[in-house]
Protein backbone atom coordinates (compact mmCIF):
# COMPACT_ATOMS: atom_id res chain seq x y z
CA UNK A 1 -19.24 34.09 29.56
CA UNK A 2 -20.90 30.74 28.07
CA UNK A 3 -20.11 30.38 24.18
CA UNK A 4 -21.66 27.57 22.10
CA UNK A 5 -21.91 26.28 18.80
CA UNK A 6 -24.10 23.98 16.54
CA UNK A 7 -22.37 21.54 14.62
CA UNK A 8 -23.58 18.68 11.93
CA UNK A 9 -22.16 15.73 11.33
CA UNK A 10 -22.28 13.66 7.83
CA UNK A 11 -20.54 10.70 7.47
CA UNK A 12 -20.03 7.78 4.65
CA UNK A 13 -17.67 5.00 2.89
CA UNK A 14 -16.76 3.20 -0.01
CA UNK A 15 -17.45 -0.32 0.00
CA UNK A 16 -15.82 -2.97 -2.40
CA UNK A 17 -17.39 -6.53 -2.37
CA UNK A 18 -18.86 -5.57 1.06
CA UNK A 19 -15.76 -4.45 2.68
CA UNK A 20 -15.04 -0.61 3.57
CA UNK A 21 -12.23 0.84 1.51
CA UNK A 22 -12.53 4.20 2.73
CA UNK A 23 -14.15 6.28 4.56
CA UNK A 24 -15.45 9.82 4.62
CA UNK A 25 -16.39 12.29 7.24
CA UNK A 26 -17.61 16.27 7.09
CA UNK A 27 -17.84 18.28 10.08
CA UNK A 28 -20.41 21.40 9.60
CA UNK A 29 -20.21 23.84 12.43
CA UNK A 30 -22.66 26.78 12.21
CA UNK A 31 -19.22 28.95 12.61
CA UNK A 32 -18.74 28.22 8.73
CA UNK A 33 -15.07 26.45 9.68
CA UNK A 34 -16.15 22.98 7.25
CA UNK A 35 -13.57 20.05 7.55
CA UNK A 36 -13.96 17.00 5.34
CA UNK A 37 -11.54 14.35 5.27
CA UNK A 38 -10.83 10.93 3.50
CA UNK A 39 -8.91 8.20 5.35
CA UNK A 40 -8.39 5.01 3.11
CA UNK A 41 -8.40 2.14 4.94
CA UNK A 42 -7.04 -0.56 2.15
CA UNK A 43 -4.70 0.79 0.23
CA UNK A 44 -4.34 -1.70 -2.29
CA UNK A 45 -8.33 -2.18 -2.78
CA UNK A 46 -8.33 1.61 -3.14
CA UNK A 47 -5.63 1.45 -5.75
CA UNK A 48 -7.33 -1.56 -7.40
CA UNK A 49 -10.41 0.69 -7.42
CA UNK A 50 -9.18 4.04 -7.13
CA UNK A 51 -11.95 5.25 -9.76
CA UNK A 52 -15.09 4.20 -7.81
CA UNK A 53 -14.19 4.84 -4.50
CA UNK A 54 -12.96 8.45 -5.54
CA UNK A 55 -16.54 8.65 -7.47
CA UNK A 56 -18.03 7.89 -3.95
CA UNK A 57 -15.90 10.58 -2.31
CA UNK A 58 -16.98 13.07 -5.26
CA UNK A 59 -20.44 12.36 -4.65
CA UNK A 60 -19.98 12.40 -0.77
CA UNK A 61 -18.64 16.31 -1.30
CA UNK A 62 -21.86 16.54 -3.04
CA UNK A 63 -23.97 15.64 -0.10
CA UNK A 64 -22.28 17.72 2.06
CA UNK A 65 -22.54 20.88 -0.11
CA UNK A 66 -26.28 20.37 0.11
CA UNK A 67 -26.07 20.11 4.17
CA UNK A 68 -24.50 23.33 3.84
CA UNK A 69 -26.83 25.01 2.09
CA UNK A 70 -29.36 23.93 4.12
CA UNK A 71 -27.92 25.33 6.75
């Protein structure tokens, strides 16, 4: 028996002076088990700009929640 699941992916990043510091990703399968992740690529720059990076992640989460509501 074939079982299939549709999924939506969302990705983003937080950049400082043109350099990616943090990447974000979300997977939204139709089954409802949603995953979000944040990957810090440059610890030093992240810590120096944590407020901005964390604001970017909060905005990313808002976009993901909007995508969930549209499904």
